[in-house]
Amino acid sequence: MSASDTHIPDPSRTDVIVAATARLGHDIRIGRFVVIEPGVTIGDGCVIGNHCTIGEDAVIGAGTRIADFAFVGKRPALAKSSTAARGTLAGVVLGEDCSVGSHTVLMAGSVYGDECVVGDNAGVRERCTLGDRVVIGRSVTVENDTTIGDRTRIQTGAYITAYVTIAEDVFIAPMVVTTNDNFMGRTEKRFELMEGCTIRRGARIGGGAHLLPGVEIGEEAFVATGAVVTRNVDPHMVVVGVPAKPVREVPAEELLENQ
């Protein structure tokens, strides 16, 4: 970005670069060594920390806070072997009153609802859709083409692979692993059969559990800590073990309708 196509809101500052086509609202606080690329829109009352980059065409909702060293709206560079779709991406869209942690990378082409929280060192890939009040914990990875419903919480260190669908009010405990490829990168057949899991409304996944490709976790089901889920789990069912097996129904007092 050359000096000729940029402007700095405060001419006395030489540590901030803002593209001429960026649109900034009122009462925005910008830290040191920040780059705001062309086409960016930042709403009123936002806070941008030190050493941040806001990628091309990003839309940042009013009241959103972005911590130091975050890259919001990064464009992906895909390996030749990647199964992710290629093509032009729109800028990332963050809703109002979101919070983005330090050293976090949010790729272009994804959309976030209002009041989302993304923890430090987390990463969310392209073409993801997150509802309102979603929590993505510290060091969580969310791969491309994933959908996450309102109020879902994904805790520290969980891995959400590509092509996963997670409904509303789901709880995913630390270090959960989801998978989508039974061939683990071998043979061309995998491209036809790659499938992420589906986690229905209100389901709870215990710490360290592993979900195999294509499984469905039913509404309000409970997957115990350390379980390996190899087949679908019925709604309201508690499953435990390796492989996971049903042991009882979730007690009525634990259902969302009774909270």
Protein backbone atom coordinates (compact mmCIF):
# COMPACT_ATOMS: atom_id res chain seq x y z
CA MET A 1 0.00 0.00 0.00
CA SER A 2 1.59 3.22 -1.10
CA ALA A 3 1.38 6.54 0.67
CA SER A 4 -0.62 7.98 -2.22
CA ASP A 5 -3.66 5.74 -1.62
CA THR A 6 -3.78 6.04 2.16
CA HIS A 7 -4.79 8.58 4.72
CA ILE A 8 -4.25 8.84 8.46
CA PRO A 9 -7.10 10.29 10.56
CA ASP A 10 -4.58 12.03 12.78
CA PRO A 11 -1.86 13.43 10.50
CA SER A 12 0.58 13.55 13.41
CA ARG A 13 0.54 9.75 13.62
CA THR A 14 2.94 7.88 11.38
CA ASP A 15 2.31 4.46 12.94
CA VAL A 16 -1.18 3.93 11.44
CA ILE A 17 -2.01 3.31 7.78
CA VAL A 18 -5.64 3.69 6.71
CA ALA A 19 -6.60 3.18 3.06
CA ALA A 20 -8.36 6.08 1.38
CA THR A 21 -11.43 3.91 0.68
CA ALA A 22 -11.84 2.80 4.30
CA ARG A 23 -14.80 4.23 6.21
CA LEU A 24 -14.41 4.85 9.93
CA GLY A 25 -17.19 5.74 12.36
CA HIS A 26 -17.07 7.99 15.39
CA ASP A 27 -15.17 7.51 18.65
CA ILE A 28 -12.85 4.81 17.31
CA ARG A 29 -9.66 4.08 19.23
CA ILE A 30 -6.75 2.80 17.16
CA GLY A 31 -3.52 1.46 18.65
CA ARG A 32 -0.01 1.71 17.30
CA PHE A 33 1.25 0.05 14.09
CA VAL A 34 -2.19 -0.68 12.66
CA VAL A 35 -3.01 -1.28 8.98
CA ILE A 36 -6.57 -0.79 7.72
CA GLU A 37 -6.84 -1.99 4.13
CA PRO A 38 -9.04 -0.73 1.24
CA GLY A 39 -12.82 -1.05 1.50
CA VAL A 40 -12.92 -1.60 5.24
CA THR A 41 -15.89 -0.29 7.25
CA ILE A 42 -15.50 0.18 11.02
CA GLY A 43 -18.53 1.12 13.12
CA ASP A 44 -18.80 3.64 15.93
CA GLY A 45 -17.02 3.04 19.20
CA CYS A 46 -14.71 0.27 18.05
CA VAL A 47 -11.31 -0.35 19.64
CA ILE A 48 -8.43 -1.64 17.52
CA GLY A 49 -5.35 -2.77 19.47
CA ASN A 50 -1.68 -2.46 18.63
CA HIS A 51 -0.11 -4.23 15.62
CA CYS A 52 -3.48 -5.21 14.10
CA THR A 53 -4.36 -5.66 10.44
CA ILE A 54 -7.93 -5.23 9.20
CA GLY A 55 -8.14 -6.96 5.83
CA GLU A 56 -9.64 -5.66 2.61
CA ASP A 57 -13.44 -5.09 2.57
CA ALA A 58 -13.89 -6.16 6.20
CA VAL A 59 -16.98 -4.86 8.02
CA ILE A 60 -16.56 -4.34 11.76
CA GLY A 61 -19.76 -3.70 13.71
CA ALA A 62 -20.15 -0.89 16.24
CA GLY A 63 -18.65 -1.44 19.67
CA THR A 64 -16.39 -4.30 18.63
CA ARG A 65 -13.00 -4.67 20.33
CA ILE A 66 -10.00 -6.21 18.59
CA ALA A 67 -6.97 -7.01 20.74
CA ASP A 68 -3.27 -6.62 19.92
CA PHE A 69 -1.70 -8.53 16.99
CA ALA A 70 -5.01 -9.76 15.55
CA PHE A 71 -5.47 -10.17 11.78
CA VAL A 72 -9.15 -9.74 10.92
CA GLY A 73 -10.02 -10.52 7.30
CA LYS A 74 -6.89 -12.35 6.18
CA ARG A 75 -7.04 -13.83 2.68
CA PRO A 76 -6.31 -17.60 2.55
CA ALA A 77 -3.33 -19.08 0.75
CA LEU A 78 -4.33 -22.67 -0.02
CA ALA A 79 -2.02 -25.62 -0.60
CA LYS A 80 -2.44 -27.50 -3.89
CA SER A 81 -3.76 -30.49 -1.94
CA SER A 82 -6.38 -28.45 -0.06
CA THR A 83 -10.01 -29.57 -0.34
CA ALA A 84 -11.26 -26.04 0.40
CA ALA A 85 -13.06 -24.19 -2.38
CA ARG A 86 -11.15 -21.54 -4.29
CA GLY A 87 -12.35 -18.23 -5.62
CA THR A 88 -13.00 -14.66 -4.67
CA LEU A 89 -14.07 -14.03 -1.10
CA ALA A 90 -16.02 -11.14 0.36
CA GLY A 91 -14.51 -9.37 3.34
CA VAL A 92 -15.07 -10.74 6.82
CA VAL A 93 -18.17 -9.38 8.61
CA LEU A 94 -18.18 -8.94 12.40
CA GLY A 95 -21.42 -8.01 14.15
CA GLU A 96 -21.81 -5.40 16.86
CA ASP A 97 -20.14 -5.64 20.28
CA CYS A 98 -17.89 -8.56 19.37
CA SER A 99 -14.58 -9.25 21.09
CA VAL A 100 -11.56 -10.60 19.19
CA GLY A 101 -8.56 -11.83 21.18
CA SER A 102 -4.85 -11.21 20.80
CA HIS A 103 -2.95 -13.04 18.03
CA THR A 104 -6.24 -14.24 16.56
CA VAL A 105 -6.69 -14.78 12.80
CA LEU A 106 -10.14 -14.47 11.25
CA MET A 107 -10.16 -15.25 7.53
CA ALA A 108 -12.06 -13.33 4.89
CA GLY A 109 -15.41 -14.62 3.71
CA SER A 110 -16.89 -15.51 7.12
CA VAL A 111 -19.79 -13.81 8.90
CA TYR A 112 -20.21 -13.34 12.67
CA GLY A 113 -23.34 -12.32 14.54
CA ASP A 114 -23.53 -9.81 17.37
CA GLU A 115 -21.70 -10.22 20.71
CA CYS A 116 -19.42 -13.02 19.55
CA VAL A 117 -16.28 -13.68 21.57
CA VAL A 118 -13.17 -15.15 19.94
CA GLY A 119 -10.37 -15.95 22.39
CA ASP A 120 -6.63 -15.37 22.14
CA ASN A 121 -4.71 -17.40 19.52
CA ALA A 122 -7.90 -18.75 17.93
CA GLY A 123 -8.38 -19.13 14.19
CA VAL A 124 -11.54 -19.20 12.10
CA ARG A 125 -11.29 -20.04 8.40
CA GLU A 126 -13.20 -18.78 5.37
CA ARG A 127 -16.91 -19.26 4.53
CA CYS A 128 -17.94 -19.89 8.12
CA THR A 129 -21.16 -18.54 9.61
CA LEU A 130 -21.43 -17.84 13.33
CA GLY A 131 -24.64 -16.76 15.03
CA ASP A 132 -25.13 -14.27 17.85
CA ARG A 133 -23.27 -14.63 21.17
CA VAL A 134 -21.09 -17.51 19.99
CA VAL A 135 -17.97 -18.12 22.09
CA ILE A 136 -14.82 -19.46 20.43
CA GLY A 137 -12.33 -20.22 23.19
CA ARG A 138 -8.60 -19.70 23.42
CA SER A 139 -6.56 -21.59 20.76
CA VAL A 140 -9.67 -23.07 19.12
CA THR A 141 -9.45 -23.79 15.38
CA VAL A 142 -12.59 -23.62 13.23
CA GLU A 143 -11.95 -24.80 9.69
CA ASN A 144 -13.64 -23.63 6.48
CA ASP A 145 -17.31 -23.99 5.54
CA THR A 146 -18.56 -24.51 9.08
CA THR A 147 -21.81 -23.23 10.59
CA ILE A 148 -22.21 -22.46 14.31
CA GLY A 149 -25.57 -21.52 15.82
CA ASP A 150 -26.51 -18.83 18.33
CA ARG A 151 -25.14 -19.05 21.89
CA THR A 152 -22.94 -22.06 21.19
CA ARG A 153 -19.76 -22.25 23.29
CA ILE A 154 -16.58 -23.94 22.08
CA GLN A 155 -13.95 -24.21 24.79
CA THR A 156 -10.15 -23.99 24.82
CA GLY A 157 -8.16 -26.02 22.33
CA ALA A 158 -11.08 -27.69 20.53
CA TYR A 159 -10.67 -28.53 16.83
CA ILE A 160 -13.67 -28.02 14.56
CA THR A 161 -12.86 -29.46 11.16
CA ALA A 162 -14.22 -28.27 7.79
CA TYR A 163 -17.86 -28.85 6.78
CA VAL A 164 -19.22 -29.19 10.31
CA THR A 165 -22.71 -28.01 11.27
CA ILE A 166 -23.28 -27.00 14.91
CA ALA A 167 -26.73 -25.83 15.98
CA GLU A 168 -27.79 -23.40 18.72
CA ASP A 169 -26.96 -23.71 22.42
CA VAL A 170 -24.34 -26.43 21.95
CA PHE A 171 -21.51 -26.84 24.48
CA ILE A 172 -18.18 -28.21 23.29
CA ALA A 173 -15.65 -28.81 26.06
CA PRO A 174 -11.86 -28.33 25.82
CA MET A 175 -9.78 -30.42 23.42
CA VAL A 176 -12.71 -31.97 21.54
CA VAL A 177 -11.70 -33.20 18.06
CA THR A 178 -14.00 -33.45 15.05
CA THR A 179 -12.98 -35.22 11.83
CA ASN A 180 -14.22 -35.32 8.23
CA ASP A 181 -11.94 -37.64 6.24
CA ASN A 182 -11.92 -41.42 6.68
CA PHE A 183 -9.06 -41.71 4.18
CA MET A 184 -6.80 -39.19 5.97
CA GLY A 185 -5.58 -37.56 2.80
CA ARG A 186 -5.14 -40.71 0.66
CA THR A 187 -6.90 -41.50 -2.67
CA GLU A 188 -9.13 -39.28 -4.78
CA LYS A 189 -12.20 -41.04 -3.39
CA ARG A 190 -11.98 -38.92 -0.26
CA PHE A 191 -13.14 -35.83 -2.16
CA GLU A 192 -16.54 -37.45 -2.78
CA LEU A 193 -16.99 -38.81 0.73
CA MET A 194 -15.58 -36.03 2.92
CA GLU A 195 -18.21 -35.04 5.49
CA GLY A 196 -18.10 -33.21 8.80
CA CYS A 197 -20.29 -34.08 11.75
CA THR A 198 -23.61 -32.50 12.69
CA ILE A 199 -24.28 -31.47 16.28
CA ARG A 200 -27.92 -30.66 17.01
CA ARG A 201 -29.39 -28.04 19.34
CA GLY A 202 -28.41 -28.20 22.98
CA ALA A 203 -26.03 -31.14 22.66
CA ARG A 204 -23.03 -31.31 25.02
CA ILE A 205 -19.67 -32.78 24.06
CA GLY A 206 -17.31 -33.67 26.94
CA GLY A 207 -13.62 -32.85 27.12
CA GLY A 208 -11.32 -34.75 24.78
CA ALA A 209 -14.12 -36.53 22.94
CA HIS A 210 -13.55 -37.46 19.30
CA LEU A 211 -16.32 -37.36 16.68
CA LEU A 212 -15.79 -39.38 13.51
CA PRO A 213 -16.71 -38.13 10.01
CA GLY A 214 -20.39 -37.74 9.23
CA VAL A 215 -21.81 -38.67 12.63
CA GLU A 216 -24.86 -36.84 13.95
CA ILE A 217 -25.20 -35.92 17.62
CA GLY A 218 -28.89 -35.62 18.39
CA GLU A 219 -30.64 -32.73 20.08
CA GLU A 220 -29.71 -32.38 23.78
CA ALA A 221 -27.53 -35.50 23.66
CA PHE A 222 -24.58 -35.82 26.05
CA VAL A 223 -21.22 -37.22 24.93
CA ALA A 224 -19.03 -38.15 27.91
CA THR A 225 -15.43 -37.07 28.39
CA GLY A 226 -12.98 -39.07 26.27
CA ALA A 227 -15.66 -40.85 24.24
CA VAL A 228 -15.01 -41.80 20.62
CA VAL A 229 -18.24 -41.40 18.65
CA THR A 230 -18.34 -43.75 15.66
CA ARG A 231 -22.08 -43.70 14.92
CA ASN A 232 -25.07 -41.40 15.32
CA VAL A 233 -26.25 -40.49 18.83
CA ASP A 234 -29.98 -40.31 19.46
CA PRO A 235 -31.55 -37.15 20.92
CA HIS A 236 -31.49 -36.87 24.75
CA MET A 237 -29.10 -39.84 25.02
CA VAL A 238 -25.95 -40.08 27.17
CA VAL A 239 -23.11 -42.00 25.48
CA VAL A 240 -19.79 -43.09 27.02
CA GLY A 241 -16.72 -45.11 26.11
CA VAL A 242 -14.61 -46.21 23.15
CA PRO A 243 -16.51 -46.68 20.96
CA ALA A 244 -19.28 -44.59 22.52
CA LYS A 245 -22.37 -46.52 23.61
CA PRO A 246 -25.68 -45.29 25.04
CA VAL A 247 -26.14 -45.74 28.81
CA ARG A 248 -29.21 -43.67 29.75
CA GLU A 249 -31.27 -40.62 28.83
CA VAL A 250 -30.36 -37.10 29.86
CA PRO A 251 -32.30 -36.22 33.07
CA ALA A 252 -35.29 -33.97 32.46
CA GLU A 253 -33.96 -31.27 34.78
CA GLU A 254 -30.89 -30.85 32.53
CA LEU A 255 -32.88 -30.13 29.36
CA LEU A 256 -32.88 -26.60 28.00
CA GLU A 257 -36.63 -26.28 28.37
CA ASN A 258 -36.25 -26.71 32.13
CA GLN A 259 -33.44 -24.23 32.68
